[in-house]
Amino acid sequence: MKKILWAVLIAITTVACQTDYNMDNTGLAKGKFAGTMYEYFHSDSYNWDSLLIMIDKAGLQNLFNGREAGYEEITFWGPTNHSIRRWMLEAPKPGEAARPRRLEELTPEECRKFVMAHVVKGKTMLNDIPRGTVSMEGTSGGMVMTGGDENNEMWVYTEQLPYNGVIGVGAVVIKIRSLRTKTDIDIASCNIEPTTGVVHSLHPNYTLGEL
């Protein structure tokens, strides 16, 4: 009987510790990181070392360290190594030049364009993003955010998933639709908080350039 009770208690504890939001286990206490966003990327080479190559090549260290005027805090829709590798290995689109085999082959301007497309001024957490809906009639709710040097617009919204068939009680997730490429993009982890803003990590099925 005692063994059964212990098993039940362990199961309850496990369920209680699972987050309701699209937040992978980052190993950070409540998603907080005691350093700048640039330092956070350096702390997790498995996910971010390709991004760091592009940041350094573009000379964007100050931006991610919170030392760029107007960008003291940012929201970063973060493409991980998986997304960057997908772009490099994918066949180029019609009229596009051959993809590089090494990120070092990209010019500083190309690196800046790719990185800045994912940067939005100000800090926007999951709870700051309104609910939105997609239907046959179109989209509603959510919010339009502008990123990058070229006014890259995206429609961002949250959605509450059903749980055990019950609507409106499940996990709350962030969704993005690029208004430039018309691509729908999922978030893998949200609300990762360095001292210079927030990182929402894009799903591995995202390919660099789709935002």
C-alpha atoms as a PDB file:
ATOM      1  CA  MET A   1       0.000   0.000   0.000  1.00  0.00           C
ATOM      2  CA  LYS A   2       2.807   2.393   0.887  1.00  0.00           C
ATOM      3  CA  LYS A   3       4.429   1.738  -2.495  1.00  0.00           C
ATOM      4  CA  ILE A   4       1.177   2.639  -4.251  1.00  0.00           C
ATOM      5  CA  LEU A   5       0.873   5.870  -2.270  1.00  0.00           C
ATOM      6  CA  TRP A   6       4.470   6.838  -3.090  1.00  0.00           C
ATOM      7  CA  ALA A   7       3.844   6.145  -6.785  1.00  0.00           C
ATOM      8  CA  VAL A   8       0.761   8.377  -6.729  1.00  0.00           C
ATOM      9  CA  LEU A   9       2.653  11.182  -4.946  1.00  0.00           C
ATOM     10  CA  ILE A  10       5.527  11.017  -7.455  1.00  0.00           C
ATOM     11  CA  ALA A  11       3.078  11.128 -10.373  1.00  0.00           C
ATOM     12  CA  ILE A  12       1.295  14.174  -8.904  1.00  0.00           C
ATOM     13  CA  THR A  13       4.610  15.957  -8.309  1.00  0.00           C
ATOM     14  CA  THR A  14       5.776  15.249 -11.860  1.00  0.00           C
ATOM     15  CA  VAL A  15       2.588  16.666 -13.362  1.00  0.00           C
ATOM     16  CA  ALA A  16       2.711  19.722 -11.097  1.00  0.00           C
ATOM     17  CA  CYS A  17       6.261  20.533 -12.214  1.00  0.00           C
ATOM     18  CA  GLN A  18       5.415  20.532 -15.906  1.00  0.00           C
ATOM     19  CA  THR A  19       5.027  24.043 -17.293  1.00  0.00           C
ATOM     20  CA  ASP A  20       1.781  25.101 -18.970  1.00  0.00           C
ATOM     21  CA  TYR A  21       3.582  27.296 -21.458  1.00  0.00           C
ATOM     22  CA  ASN A  22       5.711  26.508 -24.493  1.00  0.00           C
ATOM     23  CA  MET A  23       8.822  26.676 -22.368  1.00  0.00           C
ATOM     24  CA  ASP A  24      11.418  23.947 -22.744  1.00  0.00           C
ATOM     25  CA  ASN A  25      13.547  23.202 -19.718  1.00  0.00           C
ATOM     26  CA  THR A  26      16.359  25.723 -20.119  1.00  0.00           C
ATOM     27  CA  GLY A  27      17.958  24.937 -16.764  1.00  0.00           C
ATOM     28  CA  LEU A  28      17.347  28.545 -15.712  1.00  0.00           C
ATOM     29  CA  ALA A  29      15.517  29.432 -12.500  1.00  0.00           C
ATOM     30  CA  LYS A  30      12.105  30.691 -13.648  1.00  0.00           C
ATOM     31  CA  GLY A  31      13.647  31.456 -17.040  1.00  0.00           C
ATOM     32  CA  LYS A  32      15.997  34.097 -15.597  1.00  0.00           C
ATOM     33  CA  PHE A  33      19.627  34.478 -16.690  1.00  0.00           C
ATOM     34  CA  ALA A  34      21.986  36.670 -14.657  1.00  0.00           C
ATOM     35  CA  GLY A  35      23.732  38.256 -17.608  1.00  0.00           C
ATOM     36  CA  THR A  36      23.130  39.952 -20.937  1.00  0.00           C
ATOM     37  CA  MET A  37      21.555  38.248 -23.930  1.00  0.00           C
ATOM     38  CA  TYR A  38      24.971  38.010 -25.563  1.00  0.00           C
ATOM     39  CA  GLU A  39      26.297  36.248 -22.461  1.00  0.00           C
ATOM     40  CA  TYR A  40      23.280  33.947 -22.427  1.00  0.00           C
ATOM     41  CA  PHE A  41      24.017  32.791 -25.974  1.00  0.00           C
ATOM     42  CA  HIS A  42      27.608  32.085 -24.948  1.00  0.00           C
ATOM     43  CA  SER A  43      26.319  29.955 -22.046  1.00  0.00           C
ATOM     44  CA  ASP A  44      24.529  27.523 -24.407  1.00  0.00           C
ATOM     45  CA  SER A  45      26.712  26.696 -27.392  1.00  0.00           C
ATOM     46  CA  TYR A  46      24.557  23.669 -28.299  1.00  0.00           C
ATOM     47  CA  ASN A  47      21.736  25.978 -29.370  1.00  0.00           C
ATOM     48  CA  TRP A  48      23.338  29.319 -30.174  1.00  0.00           C
ATOM     49  CA  ASP A  49      26.933  29.077 -31.425  1.00  0.00           C
ATOM     50  CA  SER A  50      25.915  29.545 -35.097  1.00  0.00           C
ATOM     51  CA  LEU A  51      23.932  32.637 -34.141  1.00  0.00           C
ATOM     52  CA  LEU A  52      26.952  34.002 -32.273  1.00  0.00           C
ATOM     53  CA  ILE A  53      29.090  33.666 -35.401  1.00  0.00           C
ATOM     54  CA  MET A  54      26.565  35.826 -37.251  1.00  0.00           C
ATOM     55  CA  ILE A  55      26.267  38.354 -34.406  1.00  0.00           C
ATOM     56  CA  ASP A  56      30.044  38.769 -34.237  1.00  0.00           C
ATOM     57  CA  LYS A  57      30.426  38.965 -38.023  1.00  0.00           C
ATOM     58  CA  ALA A  58      27.750  41.676 -38.152  1.00  0.00           C
ATOM     59  CA  GLY A  59      29.282  43.618 -35.241  1.00  0.00           C
ATOM     60  CA  LEU A  60      26.063  43.413 -33.198  1.00  0.00           C
ATOM     61  CA  GLN A  61      27.638  42.636 -29.824  1.00  0.00           C
ATOM     62  CA  ASN A  62      26.610  45.999 -28.347  1.00  0.00           C
ATOM     63  CA  LEU A  63      22.985  45.460 -29.323  1.00  0.00           C
ATOM     64  CA  PHE A  64      22.757  42.131 -27.480  1.00  0.00           C
ATOM     65  CA  ASN A  65      24.663  43.571 -24.528  1.00  0.00           C
ATOM     66  CA  GLY A  66      22.090  46.372 -24.163  1.00  0.00           C
ATOM     67  CA  ARG A  67      24.494  49.117 -25.177  1.00  0.00           C
ATOM     68  CA  GLU A  68      22.779  50.194 -28.414  1.00  0.00           C
ATOM     69  CA  ALA A  69      20.679  53.372 -28.130  1.00  0.00           C
ATOM     70  CA  GLY A  70      16.994  52.541 -28.477  1.00  0.00           C
ATOM     71  CA  TYR A  71      17.667  48.826 -28.004  1.00  0.00           C
ATOM     72  CA  GLU A  72      18.445  48.762 -24.275  1.00  0.00           C
ATOM     73  CA  GLU A  73      15.847  45.991 -23.997  1.00  0.00           C
ATOM     74  CA  ILE A  74      14.801  43.796 -26.909  1.00  0.00           C
ATOM     75  CA  THR A  75      12.547  40.893 -27.787  1.00  0.00           C
ATOM     76  CA  PHE A  76      14.474  38.325 -29.780  1.00  0.00           C
ATOM     77  CA  TRP A  77      12.791  35.588 -31.780  1.00  0.00           C
ATOM     78  CA  GLY A  78      15.779  33.286 -31.606  1.00  0.00           C
ATOM     79  CA  PRO A  79      16.754  30.965 -34.467  1.00  0.00           C
ATOM     80  CA  THR A  80      18.785  28.104 -32.999  1.00  0.00           C
ATOM     81  CA  ASN A  81      21.575  26.130 -34.656  1.00  0.00           C
ATOM     82  CA  HIS A  82      18.982  23.720 -36.102  1.00  0.00           C
ATOM     83  CA  SER A  83      17.218  26.522 -37.998  1.00  0.00           C
ATOM     84  CA  ILE A  84      20.458  27.975 -39.332  1.00  0.00           C
ATOM     85  CA  ARG A  85      21.731  24.563 -40.464  1.00  0.00           C
ATOM     86  CA  ARG A  86      18.401  23.899 -42.197  1.00  0.00           C
ATOM     87  CA  TRP A  87      18.877  27.065 -44.231  1.00  0.00           C
ATOM     88  CA  MET A  88      22.458  26.170 -45.180  1.00  0.00           C
ATOM     89  CA  LEU A  89      21.532  22.626 -46.242  1.00  0.00           C
ATOM     90  CA  GLU A  90      18.320  23.548 -48.059  1.00  0.00           C
ATOM     91  CA  ALA A  91      18.434  23.910 -51.832  1.00  0.00           C
ATOM     92  CA  PRO A  92      18.444  27.606 -52.818  1.00  0.00           C
ATOM     93  CA  LYS A  93      15.193  29.084 -54.073  1.00  0.00           C
ATOM     94  CA  PRO A  94      14.861  30.045 -57.787  1.00  0.00           C
ATOM     95  CA  GLY A  95      17.060  33.048 -58.527  1.00  0.00           C
ATOM     96  CA  GLU A  96      18.904  32.743 -55.214  1.00  0.00           C
ATOM     97  CA  ALA A  97      22.671  32.306 -55.010  1.00  0.00           C
ATOM     98  CA  ALA A  98      24.160  29.065 -53.707  1.00  0.00           C
ATOM     99  CA  ARG A  99      24.000  28.742 -49.938  1.00  0.00           C
ATOM    100  CA  PRO A 100      27.295  28.916 -48.011  1.00  0.00           C
ATOM    101  CA  ARG A 101      28.724  25.787 -46.429  1.00  0.00           C
ATOM    102  CA  ARG A 102      30.291  27.865 -43.642  1.00  0.00           C
ATOM    103  CA  LEU A 103      28.729  30.883 -41.943  1.00  0.00           C
ATOM    104  CA  GLU A 104      32.051  32.674 -42.175  1.00  0.00           C
ATOM    105  CA  GLU A 105      31.406  32.940 -45.928  1.00  0.00           C
ATOM    106  CA  LEU A 106      28.512  35.356 -45.312  1.00  0.00           C
ATOM    107  CA  THR A 107      29.224  39.072 -45.525  1.00  0.00           C
ATOM    108  CA  PRO A 108      28.703  41.302 -42.448  1.00  0.00           C
ATOM    109  CA  GLU A 109      25.730  42.862 -44.238  1.00  0.00           C
ATOM    110  CA  GLU A 110      24.103  39.481 -44.857  1.00  0.00           C
ATOM    111  CA  CYS A 111      24.641  38.461 -41.234  1.00  0.00           C
ATOM    112  CA  ARG A 112      23.131  41.720 -39.991  1.00  0.00           C
ATOM    113  CA  LYS A 113      20.054  41.315 -42.211  1.00  0.00           C
ATOM    114  CA  PHE A 114      19.402  37.778 -40.984  1.00  0.00           C
ATOM    115  CA  VAL A 115      19.906  38.596 -37.298  1.00  0.00           C
ATOM    116  CA  MET A 116      18.041  41.903 -37.225  1.00  0.00           C
ATOM    117  CA  ALA A 117      14.949  40.339 -38.824  1.00  0.00           C
ATOM    118  CA  HIS A 118      14.425  38.620 -35.451  1.00  0.00           C
ATOM    119  CA  VAL A 119      14.991  41.701 -33.238  1.00  0.00           C
ATOM    120  CA  VAL A 120      12.101  43.809 -31.918  1.00  0.00           C
ATOM    121  CA  LYS A 121      12.596  46.895 -29.762  1.00  0.00           C
ATOM    122  CA  GLY A 122      11.316  46.580 -26.202  1.00  0.00           C
ATOM    123  CA  LYS A 123      10.589  43.569 -24.033  1.00  0.00           C
ATOM    124  CA  THR A 124       7.431  41.593 -24.825  1.00  0.00           C
ATOM    125  CA  MET A 125       6.656  38.600 -22.618  1.00  0.00           C
ATOM    126  CA  LEU A 126       4.149  35.837 -23.326  1.00  0.00           C
ATOM    127  CA  ASN A 127       1.509  37.453 -21.099  1.00  0.00           C
ATOM    128  CA  ASP A 128       1.857  40.748 -23.020  1.00  0.00           C
ATOM    129  CA  ILE A 129       0.669  39.117 -26.259  1.00  0.00           C
ATOM    130  CA  PRO A 130      -3.112  39.064 -26.859  1.00  0.00           C
ATOM    131  CA  ARG A 131      -5.022  35.971 -27.919  1.00  0.00           C
ATOM    132  CA  GLY A 132      -5.553  35.576 -31.630  1.00  0.00           C
ATOM    133  CA  THR A 133      -7.479  33.329 -33.979  1.00  0.00           C
ATOM    134  CA  VAL A 134      -7.024  32.012 -37.497  1.00  0.00           C
ATOM    135  CA  SER A 135     -10.108  31.009 -39.486  1.00  0.00           C
ATOM    136  CA  MET A 136     -11.375  30.715 -43.043  1.00  0.00           C
ATOM    137  CA  GLU A 137     -12.353  34.382 -42.805  1.00  0.00           C
ATOM    138  CA  GLY A 138      -8.814  35.451 -41.896  1.00  0.00           C
ATOM    139  CA  THR A 139      -7.058  36.426 -38.683  1.00  0.00           C
ATOM    140  CA  SER A 140      -8.130  38.429 -35.660  1.00  0.00           C
ATOM    141  CA  GLY A 141      -6.637  39.576 -32.361  1.00  0.00           C
ATOM    142  CA  GLY A 142      -2.964  39.318 -31.584  1.00  0.00           C
ATOM    143  CA  MET A 143      -0.599  42.166 -32.355  1.00  0.00           C
ATOM    144  CA  VAL A 144       1.674  43.317 -35.169  1.00  0.00           C
ATOM    145  CA  MET A 145       5.339  43.666 -34.242  1.00  0.00           C
ATOM    146  CA  THR A 146       8.073  45.230 -36.334  1.00  0.00           C
ATOM    147  CA  GLY A 147      11.596  43.878 -36.377  1.00  0.00           C
ATOM    148  CA  GLY A 148      14.798  44.437 -38.242  1.00  0.00           C
ATOM    149  CA  ASP A 149      16.374  47.303 -40.129  1.00  0.00           C
ATOM    150  CA  GLU A 150      13.869  46.943 -42.969  1.00  0.00           C
ATOM    151  CA  ASN A 151      10.624  47.176 -40.987  1.00  0.00           C
ATOM    152  CA  ASN A 152      10.022  43.419 -41.012  1.00  0.00           C
ATOM    153  CA  GLU A 153       6.403  43.014 -39.863  1.00  0.00           C
ATOM    154  CA  MET A 154       5.024  39.938 -38.136  1.00  0.00           C
ATOM    155  CA  TRP A 155       1.642  39.072 -36.644  1.00  0.00           C
ATOM    156  CA  VAL A 156       2.136  37.601 -33.183  1.00  0.00           C
ATOM    157  CA  TYR A 157      -0.596  36.026 -31.089  1.00  0.00           C
ATOM    158  CA  THR A 158      -1.206  33.580 -28.257  1.00  0.00           C
ATOM    159  CA  GLU A 159      -3.444  30.552 -28.289  1.00  0.00           C
ATOM    160  CA  GLN A 160      -4.691  28.413 -25.424  1.00  0.00           C
ATOM    161  CA  LEU A 161      -4.667  24.764 -26.355  1.00  0.00           C
ATOM    162  CA  PRO A 162      -7.313  22.273 -25.196  1.00  0.00           C
ATOM    163  CA  TYR A 163      -6.426  19.800 -22.456  1.00  0.00           C
ATOM    164  CA  ASN A 164      -8.015  16.346 -22.354  1.00  0.00           C
ATOM    165  CA  GLY A 165     -10.577  17.599 -24.828  1.00  0.00           C
ATOM    166  CA  VAL A 166     -11.553  20.608 -22.711  1.00  0.00           C
ATOM    167  CA  ILE A 167     -11.227  23.930 -24.555  1.00  0.00           C
ATOM    168  CA  GLY A 168      -9.571  26.903 -22.842  1.00  0.00           C
ATOM    169  CA  VAL A 169      -7.719  25.115 -20.053  1.00  0.00           C
ATOM    170  CA  GLY A 170      -4.528  23.872 -21.715  1.00  0.00           C
ATOM    171  CA  ALA A 171      -1.114  25.345 -22.390  1.00  0.00           C
ATOM    172  CA  VAL A 172      -0.793  28.905 -23.688  1.00  0.00           C
ATOM    173  CA  VAL A 173       1.530  29.101 -26.698  1.00  0.00           C
ATOM    174  CA  ILE A 174       2.921  31.887 -28.871  1.00  0.00           C
ATOM    175  CA  LYS A 175       2.449  31.774 -32.632  1.00  0.00           C
ATOM    176  CA  ILE A 176       3.935  34.003 -35.336  1.00  0.00           C
ATOM    177  CA  ARG A 177       2.938  34.665 -38.910  1.00  0.00           C
ATOM    178  CA  SER A 178       5.489  36.500 -41.015  1.00  0.00           C
ATOM    179  CA  LEU A 179       3.692  39.198 -43.004  1.00  0.00           C
ATOM    180  CA  ARG A 180       6.649  39.245 -45.395  1.00  0.00           C
ATOM    181  CA  THR A 181       6.905  35.532 -46.251  1.00  0.00           C
ATOM    182  CA  LYS A 182       3.388  34.430 -45.135  1.00  0.00           C
ATOM    183  CA  THR A 183       5.016  31.664 -43.076  1.00  0.00           C
ATOM    184  CA  ASP A 184       3.526  30.386 -39.808  1.00  0.00           C
ATOM    185  CA  ILE A 185       6.179  29.887 -37.158  1.00  0.00           C
ATOM    186  CA  ASP A 186       6.034  27.991 -33.853  1.00  0.00           C
ATOM    187  CA  ILE A 187       7.886  28.796 -30.624  1.00  0.00           C
ATOM    188  CA  ALA A 188       9.851  26.098 -28.792  1.00  0.00           C
ATOM    189  CA  SER A 189      10.683  28.031 -25.588  1.00  0.00           C
ATOM    190  CA  CYS A 190       9.452  31.383 -24.377  1.00  0.00           C
ATOM    191  CA  ASN A 191      10.178  33.930 -21.630  1.00  0.00           C
ATOM    192  CA  ILE A 192      13.925  33.318 -21.331  1.00  0.00           C
ATOM    193  CA  GLU A 193      15.019  36.484 -19.512  1.00  0.00           C
ATOM    194  CA  PRO A 194      18.576  37.792 -19.650  1.00  0.00           C
ATOM    195  CA  THR A 195      19.107  41.282 -18.229  1.00  0.00           C
ATOM    196  CA  THR A 196      18.737  42.953 -21.639  1.00  0.00           C
ATOM    197  CA  GLY A 197      15.349  41.631 -22.734  1.00  0.00           C
ATOM    198  CA  VAL A 198      13.642  38.354 -23.523  1.00  0.00           C
ATOM    199  CA  VAL A 199      14.386  35.444 -25.866  1.00  0.00           C
ATOM    200  CA  HIS A 200      11.607  33.384 -27.420  1.00  0.00           C
ATOM    201  CA  SER A 201      13.360  30.425 -29.037  1.00  0.00           C
ATOM    202  CA  LEU A 202      11.953  29.420 -32.428  1.00  0.00           C
ATOM    203  CA  HIS A 203      10.975  25.811 -33.101  1.00  0.00           C
ATOM    204  CA  PRO A 204      13.616  23.637 -34.845  1.00  0.00           C
ATOM    205  CA  ASN A 205      11.254  23.310 -37.830  1.00  0.00           C
ATOM    206  CA  TYR A 206      11.820  27.010 -38.543  1.00  0.00           C
ATOM    207  CA  THR A 207      14.265  27.737 -41.369  1.00  0.00           C
ATOM    208  CA  LEU A 208      16.381  30.900 -41.213  1.00  0.00           C
ATOM    209  CA  GLY A 209      14.949  33.546 -43.525  1.00  0.00           C
ATOM    210  CA  GLU A 210      11.277  32.599 -43.112  1.00  0.00           C
ATOM    211  CA  LEU A 211      10.589  35.432 -40.639  1.00  0.00           C
END
